[in-house]
Protein backbone atom coordinates (compact mmCIF):
# COMPACT_ATOMS: atom_id res chain seq x y z
CA MET A 1 -7.84 -43.66 -3.71
CA MET A 2 -10.57 -41.32 -4.09
CA GLN A 3 -13.28 -42.61 -6.41
CA ALA A 4 -14.34 -41.06 -9.29
CA SER A 5 -17.33 -40.07 -9.28
CA ALA A 6 -16.05 -37.74 -5.79
CA LYS A 7 -13.52 -36.75 -8.00
CA ARG A 8 -16.77 -35.25 -11.01
CA LEU A 9 -17.97 -33.97 -8.11
CA ILE A 10 -14.87 -32.05 -6.76
CA ARG A 11 -14.20 -30.45 -10.11
CA ARG A 12 -17.88 -29.57 -10.82
CA GLY A 13 -17.64 -27.35 -7.51
CA VAL A 14 -14.30 -25.76 -8.45
CA THR A 15 -15.41 -25.38 -11.99
CA VAL A 16 -18.17 -23.69 -10.24
CA LEU A 17 -16.64 -21.68 -8.17
CA PHE A 18 -14.02 -20.26 -11.10
CA VAL A 19 -17.63 -19.71 -13.29
CA LEU A 20 -19.47 -17.84 -10.14
CA SER A 21 -16.03 -15.71 -9.77
CA LEU A 22 -16.06 -14.43 -13.11
CA MET A 23 -20.06 -13.33 -13.47
CA LEU A 24 -19.72 -11.78 -10.63
CA GLY A 25 -16.69 -9.81 -11.65
CA SER A 26 -18.69 -8.57 -14.48
CA PHE A 27 -21.33 -7.31 -12.12
CA MET A 28 -19.04 -5.38 -10.12
CA ALA A 29 -16.92 -4.19 -12.76
CA GLY A 30 -19.39 -1.55 -13.70
CA GLY A 31 -19.34 -2.66 -17.48
CA ILE A 32 -16.73 -4.99 -18.06
CA SER A 33 -18.00 -7.68 -19.46
CA VAL A 34 -16.83 -11.32 -18.81
CA ALA A 35 -18.81 -14.60 -20.53
CA ARG A 36 -19.24 -17.74 -19.11
CA LEU A 37 -17.78 -20.33 -21.11
CA ASP A 38 -18.89 -23.66 -21.80
CA ALA A 39 -16.97 -26.83 -21.93
CA ALA A 40 -16.69 -26.54 -25.74
CA GLU A 41 -15.39 -22.92 -25.46
CA GLN A 42 -12.82 -23.38 -22.91
CA PRO A 43 -9.14 -22.97 -23.34
CA ALA A 44 -7.27 -26.29 -25.01
CA GLN A 45 -5.07 -25.95 -22.01
CA PHE A 46 -7.84 -26.24 -19.37
CA ARG A 47 -7.65 -30.25 -20.10
CA VAL A 48 -3.77 -30.07 -18.42
CA PHE A 49 -4.90 -28.60 -15.60
CA TRP A 50 -7.80 -31.02 -14.74
CA GLU A 51 -5.22 -33.24 -15.75
CA ALA A 52 -2.75 -32.39 -13.12
CA TRP A 53 -5.61 -31.92 -10.72
CA ASP A 54 -6.43 -35.58 -11.43
CA LEU A 55 -3.40 -36.79 -10.65
CA VAL A 56 -2.96 -35.42 -7.55
CA LEU A 57 -5.89 -36.90 -6.09
CA ALA A 58 -5.60 -40.11 -7.36
CA ASN A 59 -2.24 -40.42 -6.68
CA PHE A 60 -0.43 -38.09 -3.61
CA VAL A 61 0.89 -40.24 -1.23
CA ASP A 62 -0.24 -37.47 1.43
CA GLN A 63 -3.57 -37.78 1.14
CA ASP A 64 -4.24 -36.42 4.18
CA LYS A 65 -2.69 -33.46 3.57
CA VAL A 66 -4.67 -32.77 -0.02
CA ASP A 67 -6.86 -29.65 0.53
CA VAL A 68 -9.18 -28.89 -2.22
CA THR A 69 -9.57 -25.27 -1.10
CA THR A 70 -5.85 -24.73 -0.75
CA MET A 71 -5.54 -26.01 -4.09
CA THR A 72 -8.40 -23.85 -5.38
CA TYR A 73 -6.48 -20.78 -3.73
CA GLY A 74 -2.92 -21.72 -4.93
CA ALA A 75 -4.31 -22.11 -8.46
CA ILE A 76 -5.92 -18.77 -8.60
CA GLU A 77 -2.81 -17.17 -7.06
CA GLY A 78 -0.85 -19.36 -9.64
CA MET A 79 -2.84 -17.20 -12.20
CA LEU A 80 -2.83 -13.80 -10.89
CA SER A 81 0.95 -14.20 -10.46
CA THR A 82 1.61 -14.34 -14.04
CA LEU A 83 0.31 -11.96 -15.31
CA GLY A 84 3.19 -9.35 -13.87
CA ASP A 85 1.05 -6.58 -11.49
CA GLN A 86 2.86 -7.86 -8.27
CA GLY A 87 2.25 -6.14 -4.89
CA HIS A 88 -1.18 -5.33 -6.60
CA THR A 89 -3.25 -7.94 -8.37
CA THR A 90 -3.83 -10.34 -5.61
CA PHE A 91 -6.43 -13.07 -4.06
CA LEU A 92 -7.30 -12.45 -1.02
CA SER A 93 -8.84 -15.41 1.13
CA PRO A 94 -12.05 -14.08 3.69
CA GLN A 95 -9.66 -13.99 6.44
CA ALA A 96 -7.02 -11.63 4.25
CA LEU A 97 -10.05 -9.95 2.86
CA GLU A 98 -11.78 -9.14 5.99
CA GLN A 99 -8.35 -8.06 7.91
CA HIS A 100 -7.66 -6.12 4.26
CA THR A 101 -11.02 -4.42 4.99
CA SER A 102 -10.33 -3.42 8.50
CA SER A 103 -7.13 -1.75 7.49
CA LEU A 104 -8.36 0.45 5.21
CA GLU A 105 -11.70 1.16 8.24
CA GLY A 106 -8.70 2.11 10.01
CA GLU A 107 -8.13 -0.35 12.98
CA PHE A 108 -6.77 -4.67 12.88
CA GLU A 109 -4.93 -6.83 14.74
CA GLY A 110 -1.69 -8.15 13.59
CA ILE A 111 1.96 -6.98 13.67
CA GLY A 112 1.42 -3.57 11.58
CA ALA A 113 3.05 -4.04 8.60
CA TYR A 114 2.33 -3.73 4.74
CA VAL A 115 3.64 -6.44 2.69
CA SER A 116 4.21 -7.63 -0.92
CA LEU A 117 5.35 -10.27 -3.33
CA GLU A 118 8.30 -8.82 -5.33
CA ASP A 119 10.80 -11.34 -7.38
CA GLY A 120 8.73 -14.34 -5.59
CA GLU A 121 9.99 -12.98 -1.96
CA ILE A 122 7.75 -11.77 0.78
CA THR A 123 8.79 -8.06 0.98
CA ILE A 124 7.75 -5.45 4.02
CA VAL A 125 6.50 -2.55 2.13
CA ALA A 126 6.58 -0.26 5.20
CA PRO A 127 5.95 -1.07 9.04
CA ILE A 128 2.57 1.31 10.24
CA ASP A 129 3.48 4.27 12.26
CA GLY A 130 4.04 3.36 15.80
CA SER A 131 3.07 -0.43 15.44
CA PRO A 132 4.99 -3.45 17.26
CA ALA A 133 6.40 -4.55 14.12
CA GLU A 134 7.91 -1.15 13.83
CA ALA A 135 8.63 -0.65 17.42
CA ALA A 136 10.34 -4.07 16.86
CA GLY A 137 13.26 -3.46 14.30
CA ILE A 138 10.95 -4.28 11.00
CA LEU A 139 11.83 -2.05 8.67
CA ALA A 140 10.77 -0.91 5.14
CA GLY A 141 12.43 -3.20 2.25
CA ASP A 142 13.13 -6.08 4.75
CA VAL A 143 12.79 -9.68 3.02
CA VAL A 144 10.76 -12.03 5.25
CA LEU A 145 12.20 -15.79 5.32
CA ALA A 146 10.52 -17.34 7.88
CA VAL A 147 8.22 -16.98 10.84
CA ASP A 148 8.27 -19.01 13.70
CA GLY A 149 10.90 -20.98 11.75
CA GLU A 150 8.63 -21.96 9.15
CA ASN A 151 10.34 -20.99 5.78
CA VAL A 152 8.24 -19.05 3.83
CA GLU A 153 10.48 -19.25 0.17
CA GLY A 154 7.77 -20.55 -2.37
CA ARG A 155 5.20 -19.33 -0.50
CA THR A 156 1.93 -17.03 -1.45
CA LEU A 157 1.46 -13.86 -0.09
CA ASN A 158 -1.78 -15.06 1.91
CA GLN A 159 -0.04 -17.96 2.84
CA ALA A 160 3.28 -15.60 4.37
CA ILE A 161 0.28 -13.54 5.95
CA ASP A 162 -2.02 -16.05 7.99
CA LEU A 163 1.59 -17.25 9.70
CA ILE A 164 2.79 -13.80 9.94
CA ARG A 165 -1.14 -12.43 12.05
CA GLY A 166 -2.54 -13.30 14.95
CA PRO A 167 -4.65 -12.01 18.17
CA ALA A 168 -3.22 -9.14 20.45
CA GLY A 169 -1.17 -9.98 22.59
CA SER A 170 0.19 -13.34 21.13
CA ASP A 171 4.33 -13.45 20.14
CA VAL A 172 5.24 -14.20 16.50
CA VAL A 173 9.20 -15.00 15.67
CA VAL A 174 10.09 -13.16 12.25
CA THR A 175 13.26 -13.81 10.35
CA VAL A 176 13.80 -11.21 8.39
CA ARG A 177 16.93 -10.75 6.06
CA HIS A 178 17.73 -6.36 6.37
CA LEU A 179 18.49 -3.93 2.85
CA ASP A 180 21.81 -3.39 4.22
CA ALA A 181 22.67 -6.89 5.58
CA ASP A 182 23.93 -10.53 4.43
CA GLU A 183 22.88 -12.51 7.38
CA PRO A 184 19.04 -12.79 8.78
CA VAL A 185 17.82 -11.95 12.13
CA ASP A 186 15.32 -13.21 14.22
CA ILE A 187 12.43 -10.82 15.45
CA VAL A 188 10.22 -11.20 18.29
CA ILE A 189 7.19 -9.28 18.26
CA THR A 190 4.42 -9.01 20.22
CA ARG A 191 1.11 -8.52 18.23
CA GLY A 192 -1.18 -5.73 18.77
CA ARG A 193 -4.40 -4.13 17.59
CA ILE A 194 -3.06 -1.49 15.14
CA GLU A 195 -5.57 1.98 15.01
CA LEU A 196 -4.55 4.09 12.54
CA ASP A 197 -5.08 7.91 11.80
CA SER A 198 -4.11 8.50 7.90
CA VAL A 199 -3.12 11.95 8.61
CA GLY A 200 -1.47 13.67 11.42
CA TRP A 201 0.05 17.20 11.64
CA THR A 202 2.87 19.16 13.70
CA MET A 203 4.24 22.31 13.49
CA ILE A 204 8.47 21.96 12.35
CA PRO A 205 10.16 23.09 15.94
CA GLY A 206 12.49 26.42 14.87
CA THR A 207 10.55 26.90 11.46
CA ASN A 208 7.34 29.03 9.87
CA LEU A 209 6.58 25.36 8.80
CA ALA A 210 3.85 22.75 9.11
CA TYR A 211 4.74 19.41 8.75
CA VAL A 212 1.57 16.85 7.31
CA GLN A 213 1.94 13.66 7.26
CA ILE A 214 -0.22 10.42 5.23
CA THR A 215 0.54 7.10 6.12
CA GLN A 216 -2.27 5.71 3.93
CA PHE A 217 -5.40 6.38 1.98
CA ALA A 218 -8.35 5.18 4.09
CA GLU A 219 -12.11 6.01 4.53
CA ASN A 220 -11.38 9.06 5.87
CA THR A 221 -7.74 10.53 4.73
CA GLY A 222 -9.40 13.05 2.47
CA GLN A 223 -11.79 14.81 5.08
CA GLU A 224 -9.01 14.33 7.87
CA LEU A 225 -6.47 16.01 5.65
CA GLU A 226 -9.03 19.02 4.94
CA ASP A 227 -9.33 18.81 9.08
CA ALA A 228 -5.78 19.48 9.37
CA LEU A 229 -5.08 22.11 6.31
CA ARG A 230 -8.39 24.11 8.29
CA GLU A 231 -6.07 23.74 11.52
CA ILE A 232 -3.14 25.34 9.29
CA GLU A 233 -5.17 27.55 8.13
CA SER A 234 -6.71 29.03 11.50
CA LEU A 235 -2.93 29.62 13.04
CA ARG A 236 -2.64 32.21 9.47
CA GLN A 237 -5.92 33.72 10.26
CA LYS A 238 -4.77 34.62 13.97
CA GLY A 239 -1.24 35.86 12.69
CA GLU A 240 0.88 33.52 13.27
CA SER A 241 2.83 32.29 9.93
CA VAL A 242 3.12 29.24 8.53
CA ASP A 243 5.29 29.92 5.36
CA GLY A 244 4.94 25.93 3.65
CA VAL A 245 4.29 22.66 3.89
CA VAL A 246 6.40 19.66 4.08
CA LEU A 247 4.05 16.39 2.99
CA ASP A 248 5.68 13.01 4.23
CA LEU A 249 4.26 10.35 1.63
CA ARG A 250 7.21 8.62 2.72
CA ASN A 251 6.02 4.63 3.77
CA ASN A 252 2.62 5.23 2.35
CA PRO A 253 1.35 2.24 1.29
CA GLY A 254 -1.86 3.80 -0.88
CA GLY A 255 -5.28 2.88 -0.09
CA TYR A 256 -8.71 4.38 -2.05
CA VAL A 257 -8.27 5.74 -5.36
CA ARG A 258 -11.42 8.29 -4.60
CA GLU A 259 -9.49 9.65 -1.58
CA ALA A 260 -6.50 10.38 -3.79
CA ILE A 261 -8.60 12.33 -6.19
CA ASN A 262 -9.89 14.03 -2.20
CA VAL A 263 -6.47 15.18 -0.99
CA GLY A 264 -5.80 16.22 -4.54
CA SER A 265 -8.42 18.23 -4.48
CA GLN A 266 -7.29 19.94 -1.68
CA LEU A 267 -3.54 20.73 -2.58
CA LEU A 268 -4.70 21.23 -6.55
CA PRO A 269 -6.04 24.42 -8.40
CA LYS A 270 -10.04 23.70 -9.59
CA GLY A 271 -9.41 21.74 -13.45
CA ALA A 272 -5.64 20.34 -12.61
CA ILE A 273 -5.29 16.92 -13.17
CA ILE A 274 -4.82 14.65 -10.73
CA LEU A 275 -4.11 10.86 -11.91
CA GLN A 276 -5.36 9.72 -15.62
CA GLU A 277 -6.52 5.75 -15.99
CA LYS A 278 -5.72 4.12 -19.71
CA ASP A 279 -7.86 0.88 -19.51
CA ALA A 280 -6.99 -2.63 -21.74
CA LYS A 281 -8.57 -0.85 -24.95
CA GLY A 282 -6.07 2.55 -24.59
CA LYS A 283 -9.34 5.13 -23.54
CA VAL A 284 -7.55 7.28 -21.15
CA ASN A 285 -10.12 8.73 -18.62
CA SER A 286 -8.76 11.89 -16.36
CA TYR A 287 -9.57 13.09 -12.77
CA ARG A 288 -9.53 16.67 -11.79
CA SER A 289 -9.09 18.40 -8.69
CA ARG A 290 -12.36 19.73 -7.99
CA GLY A 291 -9.95 22.97 -5.88
CA THR A 292 -11.95 23.06 -2.88
CA GLY A 293 -9.58 22.75 -0.62
CA TYR A 294 -7.13 25.05 2.04
CA GLY A 295 -3.73 23.37 0.83
CA ARG A 296 -3.80 25.28 -2.89
CA THR A 297 -1.68 28.52 -2.15
CA LEU A 298 1.03 27.00 0.52
CA PRO A 299 4.23 25.69 -0.91
CA ILE A 300 4.85 22.04 -0.80
CA VAL A 301 7.80 19.72 -0.44
CA VAL A 302 7.05 16.19 -0.70
CA LEU A 303 8.69 13.30 0.72
CA ILE A 304 8.52 10.36 -0.41
CA ASN A 305 11.11 6.62 -0.54
CA LYS A 306 10.58 3.25 -2.33
CA GLY A 307 7.67 2.50 0.40
CA THR A 308 5.79 5.16 -0.81
CA ALA A 309 2.87 3.16 -3.42
CA SER A 310 -0.41 2.97 -5.29
CA ALA A 311 -2.50 6.11 -4.00
CA GLY A 312 0.21 7.73 -2.90
CA GLU A 313 2.34 7.66 -5.95
CA ILE A 314 -0.85 9.28 -7.73
CA ILE A 315 -0.72 12.31 -5.22
CA ALA A 316 3.60 12.66 -5.80
CA GLY A 317 3.09 12.85 -9.36
CA ALA A 318 0.17 15.39 -9.66
CA LEU A 319 1.82 17.76 -7.56
CA GLN A 320 5.38 17.53 -9.29
CA GLU A 321 3.44 17.77 -13.21
CA ASN A 322 1.50 19.96 -11.53
CA GLY A 323 4.26 22.54 -10.39
CA ARG A 324 2.58 22.13 -7.02
CA ALA A 325 5.34 20.90 -4.98
CA SER A 326 9.20 19.20 -5.23
CA LEU A 327 9.72 15.47 -4.26
CA VAL A 328 12.33 14.82 -1.90
CA GLY A 329 13.59 11.32 -1.57
CA GLU A 330 13.95 8.22 -3.66
CA THR A 331 12.18 7.12 -6.47
CA THR A 332 8.71 5.20 -5.53
CA PHE A 333 7.75 1.34 -5.60
CA GLY A 334 6.13 1.48 -8.86
CA THR A 335 2.33 0.22 -8.06
CA GLY A 336 -0.08 1.43 -10.85
CA THR A 337 -3.09 0.15 -11.75
CA VAL A 338 -6.27 0.28 -10.92
CA LEU A 339 -7.94 -2.28 -8.58
CA ASN A 340 -11.26 -3.58 -8.62
CA GLN A 341 -12.61 -5.70 -6.20
CA PHE A 342 -14.44 -8.61 -7.62
CA ASN A 343 -16.23 -10.79 -4.45
CA LEU A 344 -16.20 -14.58 -5.23
CA SER A 345 -18.76 -16.55 -3.74
CA ASP A 346 -16.97 -18.62 -0.73
CA GLY A 347 -16.13 -15.00 0.68
CA SER A 348 -12.78 -14.43 -0.68
CA ALA A 349 -12.17 -12.03 -3.34
CA ILE A 350 -9.47 -11.14 -6.46
CA LEU A 351 -8.18 -7.22 -6.57
CA LEU A 352 -7.41 -6.87 -9.95
CA GLY A 353 -5.76 -4.36 -11.75
CA VAL A 354 -8.25 -3.09 -14.68
CA THR A 355 -6.52 0.05 -15.78
CA ASN A 356 -2.90 1.64 -15.51
CA TRP A 357 -2.37 4.76 -13.75
CA LEU A 358 -0.50 7.75 -15.81
CA THR A 359 0.51 11.19 -14.11
CA PRO A 360 -0.69 14.01 -15.44
CA LYS A 361 1.29 14.38 -18.08
CA GLY A 362 1.18 10.63 -19.62
CA ASN A 363 3.89 8.89 -17.62
CA LEU A 364 3.47 5.46 -16.76
CA ILE A 365 3.51 4.68 -12.57
CA LYS A 366 3.58 1.00 -12.98
CA GLY A 367 6.77 -0.59 -13.22
CA GLN A 368 9.00 2.82 -13.05
CA GLY A 369 7.71 4.74 -9.98
CA ILE A 370 7.71 8.36 -9.26
CA THR A 371 11.34 10.21 -9.44
CA PRO A 372 12.35 12.70 -7.00
CA ASP A 373 13.06 16.24 -8.22
CA ILE A 374 16.03 16.23 -5.07
CA GLU A 375 16.94 12.44 -4.08
CA GLU A 376 18.49 11.85 -1.18
CA GLU A 377 19.06 8.47 -0.25
CA LEU A 378 17.96 7.21 3.57
CA PRO A 379 19.64 4.22 5.58
CA ALA A 380 17.33 1.90 6.28
CA SER A 381 18.91 1.88 9.37
CA VAL A 382 17.48 5.49 10.11
CA ILE A 383 14.21 5.82 12.01
CA GLN A 384 12.81 8.38 10.10
CA LEU A 385 10.86 11.15 12.02
CA ASN A 386 6.95 11.48 11.93
CA VAL A 387 4.01 13.09 13.31
CA ARG A 388 4.65 11.80 17.15
CA ARG A 389 8.83 11.77 16.98
CA LEU A 390 8.78 15.40 15.61
CA SER A 391 6.54 17.01 17.66
CA ALA A 392 8.77 15.67 20.54
CA LEU A 393 12.07 17.56 19.23
CA ASP A 394 13.20 21.06 20.62
CA VAL A 395 15.38 22.72 17.84
CA GLU A 396 18.61 20.97 19.23
CA GLU A 397 17.39 17.90 18.17
CA LEU A 398 15.89 18.59 15.00
CA ALA A 399 19.59 19.67 13.90
CA THR A 400 21.08 16.87 14.58
CA THR A 401 18.53 14.44 13.24
CA GLU A 402 19.65 11.44 10.94
CA ASP A 403 16.59 11.90 8.84
CA ILE A 404 18.55 14.43 6.55
CA GLN A 405 15.61 13.79 3.94
CA LEU A 406 13.16 15.87 6.43
CA LEU A 407 16.33 17.93 6.98
CA LYS A 408 16.90 18.68 3.05
CA ALA A 409 12.75 19.17 2.51
CA ILE A 410 12.89 22.26 5.28
CA GLU A 411 15.76 23.82 3.55
CA GLN A 412 13.99 23.84 -0.07
CA LEU A 413 11.00 25.56 2.44
CA SER A 414 13.43 28.06 4.19
CA PRO A 415 16.83 28.28 3.51
CA LYS A 416 17.54 29.30 7.04
CA PRO A 417 18.03 26.75 9.75
CA PRO A 418 16.17 25.86 12.60
CA THR A 419 16.87 28.90 15.06
CA SER A 420 14.22 29.08 17.28
CA PRO A 421 11.35 27.43 19.30
CA THR A 422 8.30 27.60 18.27
CA ALA A 423 4.67 26.20 19.70
CA SER A 424 3.94 22.37 18.69
CA ARG A 425 1.41 21.45 17.52
CA ASN A 426 0.34 17.43 17.01
CA ARG A 427 -3.06 16.82 15.68
CA ARG A 428 -3.62 12.71 15.49
């Protein structure tokens, strides 16, 4: 049994961790003040927490399984889960924070899929284009049931991620339940090094339309989109016809808000509202387009689905409500909080929703999503076209694709079906 003095020392250490996290949160939030609570000011409920903590340390039969760090992280994760901001507000261990940062910088090692916790289930938001997960058959909406035979029911998101990720070249068996299936399947995935280009484009075979795909809103997405649109504009300057753009935001999990604003400035006229933020006190701030981009006049149709989240929803909603684009596909994920990263003292972090996102017309995104103008469902088993796949097709193959969402988008911009080959350009 653990000595009372040792228990007090552990308790003091955990208390310091919580207090440091609050102090650092106040520093990084840029004006959000969080005061340290003295013992006399702490909520009475804290007493119940410490009673439970002491009981575990003193009486749990398998003392070798008592891990103070794991218990502390679990307490934080449990606290955050009560806030109802599933799939957004989250706790990141030092290892998870490193991977999160690496993914937004464009490369990391793993299976290549974005995951979230939805209704207590570990859910695939989207596999990354060209990733080992996609190649093995992981689909958006898959529920992860087990990893290497270990049940993930009841585990936190970070615990599940720790099981799934690993070094490139190693294998992992992920048991999933597909959206359109009753029985689970085991999928063997060889982990790899995932390198991400967030923007790519190609001409659509047999049309005068450009296809632009944004896979996430990473460190340089705004600049990458500007480069792509500049290349498209150069074609027009040379006399080649480019009559519109299909912008594919399907399975885009989001990313940096600043990059969403940069993207919006490429596509919307100067002064157009891209998004609004509403804080806990009801104050609303608007972010407007700088109107400096190459895509402000081209007709646009946007593809969205249930894997479109966060910053992807911001852009979809902004283009729709500013009358710049119609949306084709399915209602989006419904992630609608602005995250601030609060670094904790041991290298972990909390991504905390501090304001709600609103569309230009003031509509709440959280829990609602963005509704398409033209609803077109795509079965989960159908592989969506992307830059890589589309650039390899000819006109006949495109006409028979199962990606009816893309075909519907093409129809909106060009009523005539693709009839003759055009030179394909793949920039990725």
